[in-house]
Every structure is written in C-alpha cells, then in structure tokens.
N, C-alpha and C. Protein backbone atom coordinates (compact mmCIF):
# COMPACT_ATOMS: atom_id res chain seq x y z
N MET A 1 0.98 -27.62 25.16
CA MET A 1 2.04 -27.71 24.37
C MET A 1 3.32 -28.01 25.24
N ASN A 2 4.10 -28.83 24.85
CA ASN A 2 5.49 -29.01 25.59
C ASN A 2 6.27 -27.74 25.71
N SER A 3 7.29 -27.77 26.16
CA SER A 3 8.36 -26.57 26.17
C SER A 3 8.87 -26.49 24.95
N ILE A 4 9.15 -25.29 24.58
CA ILE A 4 9.88 -24.91 23.45
C ILE A 4 11.08 -24.20 23.57
N ARG A 5 12.29 -24.61 23.39
CA ARG A 5 13.50 -23.88 23.50
C ARG A 5 14.21 -23.39 22.17
N ILE A 6 14.66 -21.97 22.15
CA ILE A 6 15.11 -21.40 20.86
C ILE A 6 16.62 -21.41 21.17
N GLU A 7 17.47 -22.08 20.23
CA GLU A 7 19.10 -22.18 20.71
C GLU A 7 19.66 -22.11 19.41
N PRO A 8 20.94 -21.72 19.38
CA PRO A 8 21.70 -21.67 18.02
C PRO A 8 21.93 -23.36 17.85
N ALA A 9 21.99 -23.36 16.38
CA ALA A 9 22.03 -24.79 15.86
C ALA A 9 23.60 -24.92 15.96
N THR A 10 23.84 -26.35 15.87
CA THR A 10 25.37 -26.62 15.70
C THR A 10 25.46 -27.49 14.57
N PRO A 11 26.95 -27.63 13.83
CA PRO A 11 27.12 -28.64 12.97
C PRO A 11 26.56 -30.01 13.37
N ALA A 12 26.61 -30.36 14.58
CA ALA A 12 26.16 -31.85 15.27
C ALA A 12 24.62 -31.87 14.69
N ASP A 13 23.92 -30.79 14.79
CA ASP A 13 22.22 -30.86 14.31
C ASP A 13 22.21 -30.95 12.84
N ALA A 14 23.32 -31.05 12.10
CA ALA A 14 23.05 -30.99 10.61
C ALA A 14 22.15 -31.79 9.96
N SER A 15 22.21 -33.43 10.43
CA SER A 15 21.50 -34.24 9.55
C SER A 15 20.17 -34.20 10.08
N THR A 16 19.59 -33.60 11.05
CA THR A 16 18.28 -33.48 11.77
C THR A 16 17.59 -32.26 11.02
N ILE A 17 18.44 -31.36 10.84
CA ILE A 17 18.07 -30.03 10.20
C ILE A 17 17.74 -30.29 8.55
N ALA A 18 18.60 -31.24 8.14
CA ALA A 18 18.44 -31.48 6.55
C ALA A 18 17.25 -32.27 6.41
N ALA A 19 17.00 -33.24 7.41
CA ALA A 19 15.47 -33.94 7.33
C ALA A 19 14.36 -33.05 7.58
N LEU A 20 14.44 -32.03 8.54
CA LEU A 20 13.41 -31.39 8.59
C LEU A 20 13.12 -30.20 7.42
N CYS A 21 14.25 -30.04 6.90
CA CYS A 21 14.05 -28.96 5.42
C CYS A 21 13.41 -29.66 4.22
N LEU A 22 13.98 -31.05 4.23
CA LEU A 22 13.21 -32.11 3.18
C LEU A 22 11.71 -32.18 3.38
N SER A 23 11.26 -32.50 4.66
CA SER A 23 10.05 -32.63 5.05
C SER A 23 9.36 -31.24 4.52
N VAL A 24 9.59 -30.25 5.16
CA VAL A 24 9.16 -28.94 4.81
C VAL A 24 8.69 -28.67 3.45
N TRP A 25 9.80 -28.79 2.69
CA TRP A 25 10.10 -28.52 1.32
C TRP A 25 9.16 -29.30 0.64
N ILE A 26 9.00 -30.66 0.66
CA ILE A 26 8.19 -31.64 0.20
C ILE A 26 6.71 -31.30 0.48
N ASP A 27 6.53 -31.07 1.78
CA ASP A 27 5.16 -30.61 2.08
C ASP A 27 4.48 -29.31 1.36
N THR A 28 5.54 -28.35 1.27
CA THR A 28 5.10 -27.06 0.56
C THR A 28 5.26 -26.96 -0.80
N TYR A 29 6.24 -27.54 -1.52
CA TYR A 29 6.41 -27.13 -2.71
C TYR A 29 5.89 -28.47 -3.69
N ALA A 30 6.06 -29.52 -3.26
CA ALA A 30 5.59 -30.72 -4.12
C ALA A 30 4.24 -30.85 -4.25
N THR A 31 3.51 -29.87 -4.99
CA THR A 31 2.07 -29.56 -4.93
C THR A 31 1.49 -30.80 -5.94
N GLU A 32 2.50 -30.89 -7.29
CA GLU A 32 2.05 -31.74 -8.12
C GLU A 32 2.82 -33.06 -8.23
N GLY A 33 3.37 -33.27 -7.07
CA GLY A 33 4.35 -34.67 -6.92
C GLY A 33 5.88 -34.17 -7.12
N LEU A 34 6.57 -35.39 -7.24
CA LEU A 34 8.09 -35.14 -7.19
C LEU A 34 8.70 -35.55 -8.47
N SER A 35 9.31 -34.45 -9.21
CA SER A 35 10.14 -34.97 -10.43
C SER A 35 11.39 -35.45 -9.98
N PRO A 36 12.31 -36.18 -10.75
CA PRO A 36 13.81 -36.27 -10.81
C PRO A 36 14.58 -35.10 -10.35
N GLU A 37 14.23 -34.15 -11.23
CA GLU A 37 14.96 -32.65 -10.96
C GLU A 37 14.63 -32.08 -9.57
N PHE A 38 13.49 -32.24 -9.08
CA PHE A 38 12.75 -31.80 -7.73
C PHE A 38 13.66 -32.48 -6.61
N ALA A 39 13.75 -33.80 -6.80
CA ALA A 39 14.43 -34.67 -5.70
C ALA A 39 15.93 -34.37 -5.84
N HIS A 40 16.62 -34.40 -6.87
CA HIS A 40 18.03 -33.92 -6.99
C HIS A 40 18.31 -32.64 -6.37
N TYR A 41 17.48 -31.67 -6.74
CA TYR A 41 17.76 -30.42 -5.94
C TYR A 41 17.62 -30.51 -4.53
N LEU A 42 16.55 -31.41 -4.03
CA LEU A 42 16.62 -31.42 -2.66
C LEU A 42 17.66 -32.13 -2.06
N PHE A 43 18.06 -33.33 -2.36
CA PHE A 43 19.02 -34.10 -1.91
C PHE A 43 20.52 -33.20 -1.95
N GLU A 44 20.57 -32.37 -2.96
CA GLU A 44 22.04 -31.37 -3.16
C GLU A 44 21.85 -30.34 -2.25
N GLU A 45 20.63 -29.62 -2.04
CA GLU A 45 20.39 -28.21 -1.28
C GLU A 45 20.50 -28.60 0.13
N PHE A 46 19.86 -29.73 0.63
CA PHE A 46 19.37 -30.06 2.14
C PHE A 46 20.37 -31.30 2.48
N SER A 47 21.64 -31.43 1.83
CA SER A 47 22.49 -32.43 2.41
C SER A 47 23.01 -32.19 3.85
N ALA A 48 23.38 -33.11 4.53
CA ALA A 48 23.79 -32.97 5.99
C ALA A 48 25.28 -31.96 6.18
N GLN A 49 25.94 -32.19 4.80
CA GLN A 49 27.19 -31.27 4.62
C GLN A 49 26.63 -29.90 4.52
N ARG A 50 25.89 -29.80 3.71
CA ARG A 50 25.58 -28.14 3.43
C ARG A 50 24.94 -27.67 4.54
N MET A 51 24.13 -28.45 5.42
CA MET A 51 23.61 -27.77 6.71
C MET A 51 24.61 -27.77 7.68
N ALA A 52 25.61 -28.37 7.92
CA ALA A 52 26.66 -28.35 8.94
C ALA A 52 27.46 -27.05 8.46
N ALA A 53 28.04 -26.77 7.08
CA ALA A 53 28.52 -25.66 6.72
C ALA A 53 27.68 -24.39 7.01
N GLN A 54 26.33 -24.34 6.81
CA GLN A 54 25.81 -23.12 6.97
C GLN A 54 25.61 -22.82 8.76
N CYS A 55 25.82 -24.04 9.44
CA CYS A 55 25.64 -23.69 10.80
C CYS A 55 27.06 -23.19 11.46
N ALA A 56 28.00 -23.33 10.52
CA ALA A 56 29.38 -22.69 10.82
C ALA A 56 29.90 -21.84 10.14
N ALA A 57 29.10 -21.37 9.20
CA ALA A 57 29.52 -20.11 8.34
C ALA A 57 29.69 -18.95 8.81
N PRO A 58 30.69 -18.23 8.69
CA PRO A 58 30.99 -16.78 9.17
C PRO A 58 29.84 -15.74 8.69
N GLY A 59 29.17 -15.04 9.17
CA GLY A 59 28.45 -14.14 8.79
C GLY A 59 26.85 -14.76 8.45
N GLY A 60 26.75 -15.98 9.01
CA GLY A 60 25.51 -16.53 9.08
C GLY A 60 25.15 -17.00 10.36
N LYS A 61 23.91 -17.27 10.74
CA LYS A 61 23.48 -17.82 11.95
C LYS A 61 22.44 -18.79 11.75
N SER A 62 22.37 -19.89 12.55
CA SER A 62 21.09 -20.73 12.48
C SER A 62 20.61 -20.97 13.90
N PHE A 63 19.35 -20.85 14.12
CA PHE A 63 18.74 -21.06 15.25
C PHE A 63 17.76 -22.33 14.96
N VAL A 64 17.46 -23.00 16.12
CA VAL A 64 16.62 -24.17 16.09
C VAL A 64 15.41 -24.25 17.43
N ALA A 65 14.39 -24.46 17.17
CA ALA A 65 13.57 -24.83 17.98
C ALA A 65 13.32 -26.07 18.27
N ARG A 66 13.57 -26.39 19.72
CA ARG A 66 13.39 -27.62 20.17
C ARG A 66 12.33 -27.96 21.26
N CYS A 67 11.53 -29.07 20.97
CA CYS A 67 10.55 -29.51 21.81
C CYS A 67 10.82 -30.74 22.43
N ASN A 68 10.92 -30.82 23.51
CA ASN A 68 11.42 -32.00 24.42
C ASN A 68 12.82 -32.46 23.89
N GLY A 69 13.64 -31.67 23.56
CA GLY A 69 14.93 -31.73 23.05
C GLY A 69 15.03 -32.19 21.62
N LEU A 70 13.84 -32.08 20.89
CA LEU A 70 13.81 -32.73 19.42
C LEU A 70 13.81 -31.45 18.40
N ILE A 71 14.39 -31.54 17.33
CA ILE A 71 14.24 -30.27 16.52
C ILE A 71 13.00 -30.23 15.91
N VAL A 72 11.93 -28.96 15.93
CA VAL A 72 10.96 -28.96 15.37
C VAL A 72 10.77 -27.78 14.29
N GLY A 73 11.92 -26.66 14.36
CA GLY A 73 11.87 -25.63 13.48
C GLY A 73 13.28 -25.15 13.28
N ILE A 74 13.48 -24.52 12.28
CA ILE A 74 14.71 -23.82 12.09
C ILE A 74 14.62 -22.48 11.50
N CYS A 75 15.62 -21.59 11.80
CA CYS A 75 15.64 -20.13 11.11
C CYS A 75 17.27 -19.92 10.74
N ASN A 76 17.43 -19.81 9.61
CA ASN A 76 18.80 -19.50 9.20
C ASN A 76 19.15 -18.07 8.63
N LEU A 77 19.80 -17.11 9.19
CA LEU A 77 20.42 -15.89 8.79
C LEU A 77 21.58 -16.05 7.79
N ASP A 78 21.62 -14.97 6.93
CA ASP A 78 22.78 -14.70 6.14
C ASP A 78 23.13 -13.33 5.68
N ALA A 79 24.15 -12.89 5.96
CA ALA A 79 24.63 -11.32 5.86
C ALA A 79 25.27 -11.24 4.52
N ALA A 80 25.40 -12.36 3.97
CA ALA A 80 26.46 -12.22 2.50
C ALA A 80 25.59 -11.59 1.51
N THR A 81 24.37 -11.87 1.44
CA THR A 81 23.52 -11.70 0.19
C THR A 81 22.71 -10.58 0.53
N ASN A 82 22.89 -9.55 -0.49
CA ASN A 82 22.23 -8.25 -0.43
C ASN A 82 20.70 -8.33 -1.20
N CYS A 83 19.77 -7.54 -0.40
CA CYS A 83 18.45 -7.62 -0.98
C CYS A 83 18.21 -7.04 -2.20
N PRO A 84 17.61 -7.90 -3.06
CA PRO A 84 17.55 -7.47 -4.48
C PRO A 84 16.50 -6.15 -4.69
N ALA A 85 15.69 -6.03 -3.67
CA ALA A 85 14.83 -4.66 -3.58
C ALA A 85 15.29 -3.60 -2.80
N ARG A 86 16.38 -3.64 -1.89
CA ARG A 86 16.74 -2.57 -0.94
C ARG A 86 18.16 -2.75 -0.46
N SER A 87 18.88 -1.89 -0.46
CA SER A 87 20.30 -1.96 -0.30
C SER A 87 20.59 -0.68 0.64
N ASP A 88 19.71 0.14 1.28
CA ASP A 88 20.06 1.40 1.90
C ASP A 88 20.52 1.30 3.24
N ALA A 89 20.20 -0.05 4.02
CA ALA A 89 20.33 -0.09 5.18
C ALA A 89 21.54 -1.51 5.76
N PRO A 90 21.87 -1.57 6.77
CA PRO A 90 22.85 -2.66 7.09
C PRO A 90 21.74 -3.71 7.15
N GLN A 91 21.66 -5.07 6.57
CA GLN A 91 20.62 -5.91 6.35
C GLN A 91 21.04 -7.33 6.66
N GLN A 92 20.29 -8.09 6.97
CA GLN A 92 20.60 -9.57 6.87
C GLN A 92 19.31 -10.30 6.16
N GLU A 93 19.53 -11.36 5.52
CA GLU A 93 18.44 -12.25 4.72
C GLU A 93 18.24 -13.36 6.00
N ILE A 94 16.86 -13.46 5.99
CA ILE A 94 16.47 -14.64 6.43
C ILE A 94 16.01 -15.70 5.56
N THR A 95 17.48 -16.77 5.28
CA THR A 95 17.17 -17.52 4.02
C THR A 95 16.05 -18.72 4.17
N ARG A 96 15.88 -18.99 5.47
CA ARG A 96 15.03 -20.20 5.87
C ARG A 96 14.33 -19.90 7.35
N LEU A 97 12.93 -20.26 7.14
CA LEU A 97 12.23 -20.35 8.56
C LEU A 97 11.13 -21.32 8.49
N TYR A 98 11.61 -22.44 8.95
CA TYR A 98 10.84 -23.66 8.45
C TYR A 98 10.43 -24.20 10.09
N VAL A 99 9.22 -24.70 9.84
CA VAL A 99 8.83 -25.49 11.17
C VAL A 99 7.84 -26.64 10.68
N LEU A 100 8.04 -28.07 11.23
CA LEU A 100 7.43 -29.29 10.86
C LEU A 100 5.99 -29.04 10.79
N ARG A 101 5.14 -29.36 9.71
CA ARG A 101 3.72 -29.31 9.68
C ARG A 101 2.95 -29.75 10.96
N ARG A 102 3.22 -30.65 11.80
CA ARG A 102 2.80 -30.87 12.84
C ARG A 102 2.97 -29.81 14.06
N PHE A 103 3.60 -29.13 14.00
CA PHE A 103 4.00 -27.99 14.95
C PHE A 103 3.72 -26.66 14.31
N ALA A 104 3.11 -26.62 13.13
CA ALA A 104 2.74 -25.31 12.72
C ALA A 104 1.52 -24.72 13.45
N ARG A 105 1.47 -23.16 13.34
CA ARG A 105 0.42 -22.62 14.00
C ARG A 105 0.41 -22.78 15.63
N GLN A 106 1.49 -23.07 16.13
CA GLN A 106 1.65 -23.12 17.56
C GLN A 106 2.54 -22.12 18.35
N GLY A 107 2.83 -21.14 17.33
CA GLY A 107 3.90 -19.80 17.88
C GLY A 107 5.26 -20.16 17.57
N ILE A 108 5.62 -21.32 17.08
CA ILE A 108 7.11 -21.56 16.96
C ILE A 108 7.84 -20.72 15.90
N GLY A 109 7.11 -20.48 14.79
CA GLY A 109 7.68 -19.54 13.69
C GLY A 109 7.83 -18.40 14.29
N SER A 110 6.95 -17.72 15.16
CA SER A 110 7.05 -16.45 15.34
C SER A 110 8.04 -16.19 16.39
N ARG A 111 8.18 -17.18 17.31
CA ARG A 111 9.42 -17.21 18.34
C ARG A 111 10.63 -17.22 17.46
N LEU A 112 10.76 -18.30 16.62
CA LEU A 112 12.17 -18.34 15.78
C LEU A 112 12.42 -16.78 15.28
N LEU A 113 11.23 -16.40 14.65
CA LEU A 113 11.40 -15.09 14.12
C LEU A 113 12.01 -13.93 14.81
N ARG A 114 11.23 -13.77 16.06
CA ARG A 114 11.50 -12.63 17.20
C ARG A 114 12.99 -13.05 17.64
N HIS A 115 13.37 -14.07 17.80
CA HIS A 115 14.69 -14.44 18.27
C HIS A 115 15.77 -14.19 17.29
N ALA A 116 15.47 -14.39 16.06
CA ALA A 116 16.29 -13.95 14.59
C ALA A 116 16.36 -12.22 14.72
N LEU A 117 15.51 -11.71 14.76
CA LEU A 117 15.38 -10.14 14.99
C LEU A 117 16.05 -9.74 15.77
N ALA A 118 15.73 -10.05 17.20
CA ALA A 118 16.48 -9.63 18.23
C ALA A 118 17.95 -9.58 17.92
N ASP A 119 18.68 -11.05 17.50
CA ASP A 119 19.64 -10.91 17.11
C ASP A 119 20.40 -10.09 16.23
N MET A 120 19.60 -9.82 15.23
CA MET A 120 19.90 -8.60 14.14
C MET A 120 20.09 -7.38 14.64
N GLU A 121 19.26 -7.11 15.69
CA GLU A 121 19.21 -5.84 16.41
C GLU A 121 20.39 -5.65 17.28
N ARG A 122 20.70 -6.44 17.88
CA ARG A 122 22.00 -6.70 18.76
C ARG A 122 23.23 -6.60 17.94
N HIS A 123 23.34 -6.86 16.77
CA HIS A 123 24.26 -6.69 15.81
C HIS A 123 24.25 -5.39 14.92
N GLY A 124 23.48 -4.41 15.13
CA GLY A 124 23.10 -3.29 14.43
C GLY A 124 22.64 -3.42 13.09
N LEU A 125 22.09 -4.20 12.85
CA LEU A 125 21.29 -4.50 11.51
C LEU A 125 20.17 -3.80 11.47
N LYS A 126 19.70 -3.10 10.24
CA LYS A 126 18.57 -2.21 10.30
C LYS A 126 17.45 -2.84 9.67
N THR A 127 17.57 -3.86 8.67
CA THR A 127 16.57 -4.51 8.06
C THR A 127 16.61 -5.89 7.76
N ALA A 128 15.68 -6.81 7.77
CA ALA A 128 15.44 -7.97 7.78
C ALA A 128 14.72 -8.19 6.37
N TRP A 129 15.20 -9.29 5.55
CA TRP A 129 14.48 -9.41 4.40
C TRP A 129 14.62 -10.80 3.98
N LEU A 130 13.57 -11.29 3.04
CA LEU A 130 13.54 -12.86 2.56
C LEU A 130 12.68 -12.84 1.25
N THR A 131 12.79 -14.03 0.83
CA THR A 131 12.18 -14.41 -0.18
C THR A 131 11.13 -15.57 0.04
N VAL A 132 9.80 -15.40 -0.77
CA VAL A 132 8.80 -16.44 -0.26
C VAL A 132 8.27 -16.61 -1.58
N TRP A 133 7.88 -17.91 -2.04
CA TRP A 133 7.31 -18.38 -3.02
C TRP A 133 5.91 -17.61 -3.10
N ALA A 134 5.52 -16.84 -4.34
CA ALA A 134 4.41 -16.11 -4.75
C ALA A 134 3.12 -17.14 -4.17
N HIS A 135 2.81 -18.18 -4.53
CA HIS A 135 1.75 -18.92 -4.35
C HIS A 135 1.75 -19.63 -2.82
N ASN A 136 2.65 -19.01 -2.09
CA ASN A 136 2.61 -19.62 -0.68
C ASN A 136 1.86 -18.63 0.25
N ALA A 137 0.47 -18.72 0.08
CA ALA A 137 -0.26 -17.64 0.77
C ALA A 137 -0.19 -17.80 2.26
N ASP A 138 -0.08 -18.72 2.79
CA ASP A 138 0.19 -18.99 4.31
C ASP A 138 1.34 -18.43 4.82
N ALA A 139 2.44 -18.41 3.95
CA ALA A 139 3.89 -17.91 4.55
C ALA A 139 3.48 -16.41 4.31
N ARG A 140 3.01 -15.78 2.97
CA ARG A 140 3.05 -14.42 2.74
C ARG A 140 2.03 -13.87 3.91
N ALA A 141 1.06 -14.77 4.51
CA ALA A 141 -0.05 -14.20 5.34
C ALA A 141 0.89 -14.05 6.79
N PHE A 142 1.64 -14.84 6.96
CA PHE A 142 2.50 -15.04 8.35
C PHE A 142 3.29 -13.77 8.47
N TYR A 143 4.08 -13.65 7.26
CA TYR A 143 5.14 -12.42 7.16
C TYR A 143 4.49 -10.97 7.22
N ALA A 144 3.41 -11.04 6.56
CA ALA A 144 2.50 -9.73 6.69
C ALA A 144 2.09 -9.60 8.15
N SER A 145 1.78 -10.59 9.09
CA SER A 145 1.26 -10.51 9.99
C SER A 145 2.62 -10.08 11.15
N GLN A 146 3.57 -10.31 10.64
CA GLN A 146 4.83 -10.00 11.58
C GLN A 146 5.61 -8.86 11.08
N GLY A 147 4.75 -7.94 10.25
CA GLY A 147 5.34 -6.65 9.89
C GLY A 147 6.06 -6.51 8.39
N PHE A 148 6.26 -7.83 7.72
CA PHE A 148 7.03 -7.61 6.83
C PHE A 148 6.17 -6.93 5.48
N ILE A 149 6.64 -6.13 4.57
CA ILE A 149 6.10 -5.71 3.47
C ILE A 149 6.53 -6.09 2.11
N ASP A 150 5.89 -6.38 1.19
CA ASP A 150 6.11 -6.72 -0.11
C ASP A 150 7.02 -5.77 -0.74
N ALA A 151 8.22 -5.87 -1.43
CA ALA A 151 9.15 -4.80 -1.85
C ALA A 151 9.37 -5.40 -3.31
N GLY A 152 8.82 -6.35 -3.92
CA GLY A 152 9.30 -6.51 -5.13
C GLY A 152 9.10 -8.22 -5.52
N PHE A 153 9.88 -8.51 -6.58
CA PHE A 153 9.97 -9.96 -6.72
C PHE A 153 11.33 -10.34 -7.24
N THR A 154 11.54 -11.65 -7.38
CA THR A 154 12.78 -12.29 -7.64
C THR A 154 12.25 -13.48 -8.34
N THR A 155 13.14 -14.32 -8.98
CA THR A 155 12.82 -15.52 -9.78
C THR A 155 13.80 -16.53 -9.24
N PHE A 156 12.95 -17.53 -8.81
CA PHE A 156 13.82 -18.77 -8.56
C PHE A 156 13.63 -19.83 -9.51
N ARG A 157 14.83 -20.43 -9.90
CA ARG A 157 14.50 -21.41 -11.14
C ARG A 157 15.13 -22.77 -10.68
N LEU A 158 14.28 -23.79 -11.08
CA LEU A 158 14.34 -25.14 -10.53
C LEU A 158 13.61 -25.93 -11.73
N ALA A 159 14.41 -27.01 -12.10
CA ALA A 159 13.86 -28.09 -13.05
C ALA A 159 13.49 -27.11 -14.52
N GLY A 160 14.26 -26.24 -14.63
CA GLY A 160 14.04 -25.83 -16.02
C GLY A 160 12.57 -24.52 -16.30
N ARG A 161 12.23 -24.32 -14.92
CA ARG A 161 11.19 -23.41 -14.76
C ARG A 161 11.06 -22.22 -13.97
N ASN A 162 10.91 -21.15 -14.18
CA ASN A 162 10.77 -19.99 -13.19
C ASN A 162 9.84 -20.12 -12.14
N HIS A 163 10.13 -19.73 -11.03
CA HIS A 163 9.08 -19.61 -10.17
C HIS A 163 9.05 -18.25 -9.35
N GLU A 164 8.10 -17.45 -9.35
CA GLU A 164 8.08 -16.10 -8.78
C GLU A 164 8.26 -16.03 -7.45
N ASN A 165 9.15 -15.58 -6.82
CA ASN A 165 9.33 -15.30 -5.50
C ASN A 165 8.85 -13.86 -5.17
N ARG A 166 8.41 -13.34 -3.92
CA ARG A 166 8.16 -12.31 -3.43
C ARG A 166 9.24 -11.88 -2.64
N VAL A 167 10.00 -10.60 -2.84
CA VAL A 167 10.93 -10.02 -1.73
C VAL A 167 10.16 -9.35 -0.63
N LEU A 168 10.49 -9.79 0.52
CA LEU A 168 9.66 -9.18 1.66
C LEU A 168 10.72 -8.60 2.62
N VAL A 169 10.46 -7.15 3.11
CA VAL A 169 11.55 -6.25 4.15
C VAL A 169 10.70 -6.13 5.30
N ARG A 170 11.36 -5.79 6.29
CA ARG A 170 10.86 -5.12 7.54
C ARG A 170 12.02 -4.52 8.15
N ALA A 171 11.84 -3.36 9.05
CA ALA A 171 12.80 -2.98 9.84
C ALA A 171 12.83 -3.70 11.06
N VAL A 172 13.90 -3.83 11.32
CA VAL A 172 14.55 -4.64 12.58
C VAL A 172 14.35 -4.13 14.00
C-alpha cells in the first residue's frame, strides 16, 4: 500500500471532504436506494461550506488521511456535544470517521482513530464517544475491536423515520 499520512484538515479540503462523505454515506446508508429526502439531507449536511465551517470550528478538529496526497479518510471531533449516555468525565465526540470503500480494511480508520484519541489525551479529555447506526455491523465490530463499549441508544430522524443509533464510549 502507498504511504498514508494523517494530518489536520483545512478549509481548503472542504469540497474533497464533502465528496468523500457523500460517497461513504451513499455506500453505507442507501441500502434501499435514494429518496428525495435522503438526497436533500446529504447535500445540506455535506456541503463544502458546512465542511469548511467544521474544519475551522472552535472546539472541534478534523483530521484527514492522505494517500499519495489525495484524501481517502476523515475523522471529525466535536467537544460541544455531551454524550447522551455518560457525562461524568471530560469528553469529546467523534462525529465522523469515514474511509472510502476502496481503502477500507487497510488500517486507515484505525490510524485516524488512534490519532484522534491521542489528540484528546493531549488535551486532558478522558472519554471518547460516538454514535453508529444500529444496523451497521461492520462499524460496530470495528469500534468494539478498538475498545468501545455499547452504552445505550439514541435516535436519528431522517425522511420522517426514526433510525436507531448505538452510543459507544471508551476511555481515552
């Protein structure tokens, strides 16, 4: 495999990150096809403007994985949201950990996650948390292998339907 570098994302990366997120979301969640509501959500949630704002947001951080200079993965962190299942320690949410399908199972997600956890530790955070779609068995298995435990559930609402997400936590 070619050399992978993990580095901070910048607002200049925004359109590339948006395209990566769209690709991963469609691969993962459009299991029955695309509805207009789903497409509307995607273009709103993953606009280049929104990705640029996330890269520059105070209290948040974004890291990208680059292969030969091209972005193949992203990890976003957000300190502004409290874990719905746990609030007893300084914490940070991993809002997004996406790797393009072609680069999956090559250790890139693990490297992005380790980088994010090390950053949290340097800043005195004690708990990392995230939510994952209850039906995403691959992601749930990945996070379990990385030491995350299931701490409950939350609901994500899209297109008039509730989707169960599991809340996963781990000590940093």
